[in-house]
C-alpha atoms as a PDB file:
ATOM      1  CA  UNK A   1      -1.150  29.442  13.258  1.00  0.00           C
ATOM      2  CA  UNK A   2       1.161  32.149  12.675  1.00  0.00           C
ATOM      3  CA  UNK A   3       4.252  31.212  11.320  1.00  0.00           C
ATOM      4  CA  UNK A   4       7.269  33.568  12.507  1.00  0.00           C
ATOM      5  CA  UNK A   5      10.415  33.265  10.626  1.00  0.00           C
ATOM      6  CA  UNK A   6      13.289  31.800  12.818  1.00  0.00           C
ATOM      7  CA  UNK A   7      15.928  33.946  11.009  1.00  0.00           C
ATOM      8  CA  UNK A   8      19.542  32.584  11.307  1.00  0.00           C
ATOM      9  CA  UNK A   9      22.774  34.633  11.615  1.00  0.00           C
ATOM     10  CA  UNK A  10      23.112  34.140   7.868  1.00  0.00           C
ATOM     11  CA  UNK A  11      19.658  35.600   6.823  1.00  0.00           C
ATOM     12  CA  UNK A  12      16.326  35.355   5.843  1.00  0.00           C
ATOM     13  CA  UNK A  13      16.931  33.678   2.674  1.00  0.00           C
ATOM     14  CA  UNK A  14      19.574  31.107   4.076  1.00  0.00           C
ATOM     15  CA  UNK A  15      16.758  30.453   6.792  1.00  0.00           C
ATOM     16  CA  UNK A  16      14.281  30.211   4.417  1.00  0.00           C
ATOM     17  CA  UNK A  17      16.367  27.877   2.056  1.00  0.00           C
ATOM     18  CA  UNK A  18      17.303  25.548   5.202  1.00  0.00           C
ATOM     19  CA  UNK A  19      13.175  25.321   6.043  1.00  0.00           C
ATOM     20  CA  UNK A  20      12.282  24.275   2.440  1.00  0.00           C
ATOM     21  CA  UNK A  21      14.987  21.640   1.861  1.00  0.00           C
ATOM     22  CA  UNK A  22      13.957  20.206   5.480  1.00  0.00           C
ATOM     23  CA  UNK A  23      10.389  20.118   3.795  1.00  0.00           C
ATOM     24  CA  UNK A  24      11.478  18.870   0.872  1.00  0.00           C
ATOM     25  CA  UNK A  25      13.121  15.745   2.854  1.00  0.00           C
ATOM     26  CA  UNK A  26      10.218  15.389   4.921  1.00  0.00           C
ATOM     27  CA  UNK A  27       8.377  14.933   1.383  1.00  0.00           C
ATOM     28  CA  UNK A  28      11.266  12.514  -0.078  1.00  0.00           C
ATOM     29  CA  UNK A  29      10.199   9.809   3.083  1.00  0.00           C
ATOM     30  CA  UNK A  30       6.444  10.501   2.949  1.00  0.00           C
ATOM     31  CA  UNK A  31       6.001   8.985  -0.815  1.00  0.00           C
ATOM     32  CA  UNK A  32       6.030   5.402  -1.337  1.00  0.00           C
ATOM     33  CA  UNK A  33       8.025   4.139  -4.200  1.00  0.00           C
ATOM     34  CA  UNK A  34       4.842   2.010  -5.263  1.00  0.00           C
ATOM     35  CA  UNK A  35       2.600   5.180  -4.909  1.00  0.00           C
ATOM     36  CA  UNK A  36       5.000   6.936  -7.153  1.00  0.00           C
ATOM     37  CA  UNK A  37       5.504   4.246  -9.878  1.00  0.00           C
ATOM     38  CA  UNK A  38       1.674   3.991 -10.058  1.00  0.00           C
ATOM     39  CA  UNK A  39       1.475   7.478 -10.938  1.00  0.00           C
ATOM     40  CA  UNK A  40       4.262   7.311 -13.591  1.00  0.00           C
ATOM     41  CA  UNK A  41       2.904   4.210 -14.904  1.00  0.00           C
ATOM     42  CA  UNK A  42      -0.403   5.885 -15.395  1.00  0.00           C
ATOM     43  CA  UNK A  43       1.212   9.087 -17.080  1.00  0.00           C
ATOM     44  CA  UNK A  44       3.324   6.704 -19.271  1.00  0.00           C
ATOM     45  CA  UNK A  45       0.797   4.484 -20.370  1.00  0.00           C
ATOM     46  CA  UNK A  46      -2.401   6.643 -20.876  1.00  0.00           C
ATOM     47  CA  UNK A  47      -3.519   6.199 -24.563  1.00  0.00           C
ATOM     48  CA  UNK A  48      -5.705   9.153 -24.982  1.00  0.00           C
ATOM     49  CA  UNK A  49      -5.800  12.816 -23.647  1.00  0.00           C
ATOM     50  CA  UNK A  50      -4.089  13.736 -20.365  1.00  0.00           C
ATOM     51  CA  UNK A  51      -6.174  16.704 -18.468  1.00  0.00           C
ATOM     52  CA  UNK A  52      -3.904  19.038 -16.087  1.00  0.00           C
ATOM     53  CA  UNK A  53      -5.649  21.040 -13.486  1.00  0.00           C
ATOM     54  CA  UNK A  54      -5.126  22.991 -10.325  1.00  0.00           C
ATOM     55  CA  UNK A  55      -6.347  25.996  -8.474  1.00  0.00           C
ATOM     56  CA  UNK A  56      -5.633  29.496  -8.080  1.00  0.00           C
ATOM     57  CA  UNK A  57      -1.909  28.592  -6.958  1.00  0.00           C
ATOM     58  CA  UNK A  58      -1.641  25.284  -8.236  1.00  0.00           C
ATOM     59  CA  UNK A  59      -2.951  25.927 -11.627  1.00  0.00           C
ATOM     60  CA  UNK A  60       0.367  27.320 -12.248  1.00  0.00           C
ATOM     61  CA  UNK A  61       2.097  23.810 -11.781  1.00  0.00           C
ATOM     62  CA  UNK A  62      -0.760  22.162 -13.898  1.00  0.00           C
ATOM     63  CA  UNK A  63       0.690  24.432 -16.441  1.00  0.00           C
ATOM     64  CA  UNK A  64       3.904  23.566 -16.098  1.00  0.00           C
ATOM     65  CA  UNK A  65       3.326  19.729 -16.458  1.00  0.00           C
ATOM     66  CA  UNK A  66       1.118  20.824 -19.410  1.00  0.00           C
ATOM     67  CA  UNK A  67       4.059  22.633 -20.713  1.00  0.00           C
ATOM     68  CA  UNK A  68       6.104  19.382 -20.466  1.00  0.00           C
ATOM     69  CA  UNK A  69       3.989  17.016 -21.876  1.00  0.00           C
ATOM     70  CA  UNK A  70       2.694  19.145 -25.351  1.00  0.00           C
ATOM     71  CA  UNK A  71       6.464  18.617 -25.676  1.00  0.00           C
ATOM     72  CA  UNK A  72       6.572  14.951 -25.163  1.00  0.00           C
ATOM     73  CA  UNK A  73       3.105  13.919 -26.540  1.00  0.00           C
ATOM     74  CA  UNK A  74      -0.036  14.717 -28.353  1.00  0.00           C
ATOM     75  CA  UNK A  75      -3.713  15.084 -26.357  1.00  0.00           C
ATOM     76  CA  UNK A  76      -2.033  17.152 -23.454  1.00  0.00           C
ATOM     77  CA  UNK A  77      -4.862  19.564 -22.156  1.00  0.00           C
ATOM     78  CA  UNK A  78      -4.732  22.750 -19.718  1.00  0.00           C
ATOM     79  CA  UNK A  79      -7.731  23.119 -17.807  1.00  0.00           C
ATOM     80  CA  UNK A  80      -8.603  26.568 -17.040  1.00  0.00           C
ATOM     81  CA  UNK A  81     -11.209  29.149 -17.250  1.00  0.00           C
ATOM     82  CA  UNK A  82     -14.356  29.941 -16.025  1.00  0.00           C
ATOM     83  CA  UNK A  83     -17.205  27.667 -14.779  1.00  0.00           C
ATOM     84  CA  UNK A  84     -18.443  27.436 -17.929  1.00  0.00           C
ATOM     85  CA  UNK A  85     -15.159  26.859 -19.790  1.00  0.00           C
ATOM     86  CA  UNK A  86     -14.623  23.577 -17.400  1.00  0.00           C
ATOM     87  CA  UNK A  87     -18.266  22.343 -18.065  1.00  0.00           C
ATOM     88  CA  UNK A  88     -17.341  22.497 -21.898  1.00  0.00           C
ATOM     89  CA  UNK A  89     -14.170  20.362 -21.210  1.00  0.00           C
ATOM     90  CA  UNK A  90     -15.320  18.113 -19.153  1.00  0.00           C
ATOM     91  CA  UNK A  91     -17.994  16.950 -21.849  1.00  0.00           C
ATOM     92  CA  UNK A  92     -15.031  15.764 -23.599  1.00  0.00           C
ATOM     93  CA  UNK A  93     -13.525  13.530 -21.152  1.00  0.00           C
ATOM     94  CA  UNK A  94     -13.775   9.928 -21.885  1.00  0.00           C
ATOM     95  CA  UNK A  95     -12.501   6.215 -20.445  1.00  0.00           C
ATOM     96  CA  UNK A  96      -8.634   6.002 -20.773  1.00  0.00           C
ATOM     97  CA  UNK A  97      -7.869   9.821 -20.294  1.00  0.00           C
ATOM     98  CA  UNK A  98      -6.327  10.719 -17.228  1.00  0.00           C
ATOM     99  CA  UNK A  99      -6.743  13.542 -14.898  1.00  0.00           C
ATOM    100  CA  UNK A 100      -3.651  15.105 -13.241  1.00  0.00           C
ATOM    101  CA  UNK A 101      -5.000  17.406 -10.222  1.00  0.00           C
ATOM    102  CA  UNK A 102      -3.020  20.006  -7.845  1.00  0.00           C
ATOM    103  CA  UNK A 103      -5.185  20.753  -5.333  1.00  0.00           C
ATOM    104  CA  UNK A 104      -3.343  21.956  -1.975  1.00  0.00           C
ATOM    105  CA  UNK A 105      -5.131  23.496   0.788  1.00  0.00           C
ATOM    106  CA  UNK A 106      -7.542  25.273   0.657  1.00  0.00           C
ATOM    107  CA  UNK A 107      -9.114  23.011  -1.535  1.00  0.00           C
ATOM    108  CA  UNK A 108     -10.918  24.404  -4.318  1.00  0.00           C
ATOM    109  CA  UNK A 109     -14.618  23.453  -5.415  1.00  0.00           C
ATOM    110  CA  UNK A 110     -13.983  23.742  -9.030  1.00  0.00           C
ATOM    111  CA  UNK A 111     -11.154  21.632  -9.191  1.00  0.00           C
ATOM    112  CA  UNK A 112     -12.625  18.836  -6.928  1.00  0.00           C
ATOM    113  CA  UNK A 113     -15.869  18.753  -9.176  1.00  0.00           C
ATOM    114  CA  UNK A 114     -14.278  19.012 -12.305  1.00  0.00           C
ATOM    115  CA  UNK A 115     -12.188  15.837 -11.675  1.00  0.00           C
ATOM    116  CA  UNK A 116     -15.156  14.020  -9.616  1.00  0.00           C
ATOM    117  CA  UNK A 117     -17.033  14.655 -12.818  1.00  0.00           C
ATOM    118  CA  UNK A 118     -14.420  13.371 -15.165  1.00  0.00           C
ATOM    119  CA  UNK A 119     -13.822  10.478 -12.823  1.00  0.00           C
ATOM    120  CA  UNK A 120     -17.636   9.461 -13.207  1.00  0.00           C
ATOM    121  CA  UNK A 121     -16.930  10.073 -17.203  1.00  0.00           C
ATOM    122  CA  UNK A 122     -14.543   7.201 -16.607  1.00  0.00           C
ATOM    123  CA  UNK A 123     -11.158   8.955 -16.412  1.00  0.00           C
ATOM    124  CA  UNK A 124      -8.462   8.115 -14.206  1.00  0.00           C
ATOM    125  CA  UNK A 125      -6.976  10.485 -11.414  1.00  0.00           C
ATOM    126  CA  UNK A 126      -3.569  11.008 -10.272  1.00  0.00           C
ATOM    127  CA  UNK A 127      -3.717  13.722  -7.353  1.00  0.00           C
ATOM    128  CA  UNK A 128      -1.047  15.897  -5.795  1.00  0.00           C
ATOM    129  CA  UNK A 129      -2.207  17.183  -2.565  1.00  0.00           C
ATOM    130  CA  UNK A 130      -1.043  17.502   1.167  1.00  0.00           C
ATOM    131  CA  UNK A 131      -1.208  15.809   3.895  1.00  0.00           C
ATOM    132  CA  UNK A 132      -4.467  16.590   4.911  1.00  0.00           C
ATOM    133  CA  UNK A 133      -5.511  15.832   1.612  1.00  0.00           C
ATOM    134  CA  UNK A 134      -8.217  17.127  -1.043  1.00  0.00           C
ATOM    135  CA  UNK A 135     -11.415  15.639  -1.100  1.00  0.00           C
ATOM    136  CA  UNK A 136     -10.345  14.198  -4.601  1.00  0.00           C
ATOM    137  CA  UNK A 137      -8.301  11.602  -2.632  1.00  0.00           C
ATOM    138  CA  UNK A 138     -11.522   9.660  -1.843  1.00  0.00           C
ATOM    139  CA  UNK A 139     -11.667   8.679  -5.638  1.00  0.00           C
ATOM    140  CA  UNK A 140      -8.240   9.206  -7.329  1.00  0.00           C
ATOM    141  CA  UNK A 141      -6.400   6.550  -8.639  1.00  0.00           C
ATOM    142  CA  UNK A 142      -3.256   7.222  -6.987  1.00  0.00           C
ATOM    143  CA  UNK A 143      -2.694  10.296  -4.466  1.00  0.00           C
ATOM    144  CA  UNK A 144       1.033  11.592  -3.769  1.00  0.00           C
ATOM    145  CA  UNK A 145       1.202  13.801  -0.646  1.00  0.00           C
ATOM    146  CA  UNK A 146       3.763  16.312   0.392  1.00  0.00           C
ATOM    147  CA  UNK A 147       3.903  18.643   3.291  1.00  0.00           C
ATOM    148  CA  UNK A 148       3.612  22.224   2.763  1.00  0.00           C
ATOM    149  CA  UNK A 149       4.548  23.985   6.067  1.00  0.00           C
ATOM    150  CA  UNK A 150       7.362  26.160   5.886  1.00  0.00           C
ATOM    151  CA  UNK A 151       8.641  29.485   7.671  1.00  0.00           C
ATOM    152  CA  UNK A 152       6.541  31.467   5.212  1.00  0.00           C
ATOM    153  CA  UNK A 153       2.985  32.407   6.109  1.00  0.00           C
ATOM    154  CA  UNK A 154       2.255  30.868   2.838  1.00  0.00           C
ATOM    155  CA  UNK A 155       2.418  27.250   2.183  1.00  0.00           C
ATOM    156  CA  UNK A 156       5.228  26.087   0.099  1.00  0.00           C
ATOM    157  CA  UNK A 157       4.704  24.144  -3.301  1.00  0.00           C
ATOM    158  CA  UNK A 158       8.417  23.191  -3.733  1.00  0.00           C
ATOM    159  CA  UNK A 159       7.641  19.059  -2.621  1.00  0.00           C
ATOM    160  CA  UNK A 160       4.722  19.107  -4.951  1.00  0.00           C
ATOM    161  CA  UNK A 161       7.037  20.706  -7.822  1.00  0.00           C
ATOM    162  CA  UNK A 162       9.637  18.300  -7.315  1.00  0.00           C
ATOM    163  CA  UNK A 163       7.104  15.408  -7.783  1.00  0.00           C
ATOM    164  CA  UNK A 164       6.115  16.659 -10.801  1.00  0.00           C
ATOM    165  CA  UNK A 165       9.327  17.390 -12.289  1.00  0.00           C
ATOM    166  CA  UNK A 166      10.206  13.451 -11.197  1.00  0.00           C
ATOM    167  CA  UNK A 167       6.835  12.096 -12.878  1.00  0.00           C
ATOM    168  CA  UNK A 168       8.276  14.424 -16.175  1.00  0.00           C
ATOM    169  CA  UNK A 169      11.719  12.726 -15.660  1.00  0.00           C
ATOM    170  CA  UNK A 170      10.177   9.401 -15.553  1.00  0.00           C
ATOM    171  CA  UNK A 171       8.220   9.835 -18.604  1.00  0.00           C
ATOM    172  CA  UNK A 172      10.881  11.005 -20.435  1.00  0.00           C
ATOM    173  CA  UNK A 173      13.334   8.182 -19.150  1.00  0.00           C
ATOM    174  CA  UNK A 174      10.904   5.214 -20.270  1.00  0.00           C
ATOM    175  CA  UNK A 175       9.622   6.650 -23.401  1.00  0.00           C
ATOM    176  CA  UNK A 176      13.045   8.070 -24.630  1.00  0.00           C
ATOM    177  CA  UNK A 177      13.031   6.578 -27.957  1.00  0.00           C
ATOM    178  CA  UNK A 178       9.371   7.311 -28.890  1.00  0.00           C
ATOM    179  CA  UNK A 179       9.925  11.158 -27.644  1.00  0.00           C
ATOM    180  CA  UNK A 180      13.028  11.620 -29.234  1.00  0.00           C
ATOM    181  CA  UNK A 181      11.771  12.091 -32.688  1.00  0.00           C
ATOM    182  CA  UNK A 182       8.897  14.630 -31.735  1.00  0.00           C
ATOM    183  CA  UNK A 183      11.600  16.853 -29.743  1.00  0.00           C
ATOM    184  CA  UNK A 184      13.807  16.845 -32.537  1.00  0.00           C
ATOM    185  CA  UNK A 185      10.761  18.108 -34.991  1.00  0.00           C
ATOM    186  CA  UNK A 186       9.836  20.835 -32.301  1.00  0.00           C
ATOM    187  CA  UNK A 187      13.221  21.706 -32.268  1.00  0.00           C
ATOM    188  CA  UNK A 188      13.268  21.979 -35.916  1.00  0.00           C
ATOM    189  CA  UNK A 189      10.338  24.316 -36.231  1.00  0.00           C
ATOM    190  CA  UNK A 190      11.899  26.147 -33.137  1.00  0.00           C
ATOM    191  CA  UNK A 191      14.859  27.288 -35.041  1.00  0.00           C
ATOM    192  CA  UNK A 192      13.050  27.986 -38.084  1.00  0.00           C
ATOM    193  CA  UNK A 193      10.643  30.311 -36.555  1.00  0.00           C
ATOM    194  CA  UNK A 194      13.692  31.915 -34.528  1.00  0.00           C
ATOM    195  CA  UNK A 195      11.646  31.203 -31.283  1.00  0.00           C
ATOM    196  CA  UNK A 196      15.033  30.913 -29.134  1.00  0.00           C
ATOM    197  CA  UNK A 197      18.524  32.855 -29.458  1.00  0.00           C
END
């Protein structure tokens, strides 16, 4: 179905922002606190590796989560690359590992396959998907869904991005004392190497 922008008098940006805010509000009421808390607890309590994976576009969300996690804990892995690369990576997955999969429609075979094989090797799975749900939902430990419709011809990833950032917020809030020394050490080396202005 074609989505024609309903442009307000203020202009396209304002209309798009309004539609996206409405989508975000819908997502806010769709997510059950118990599901979010379960996902946050998995992220916080996983002692071994956390694998972040997504598809052609959602892979960028997986990369953002990965960039946050590498600052907060060792053992975060961004899963990307060819099918051959995925075969090598899934070989390392074991019990007590966690996969965080981003899979919005149209669902990607390689994302589903990697996550299923990781699950079969004993990993638990957090899935962030849309209301129609990726096939990963059939075996995910916890599934967070979000609406993707807006006035653009393309699906929005804003609700999923907010869920991602909320999970990172929960992680840092709960483990503040444990992550603070790591962050301070990272900042020390950033200053030492003139990483930022």
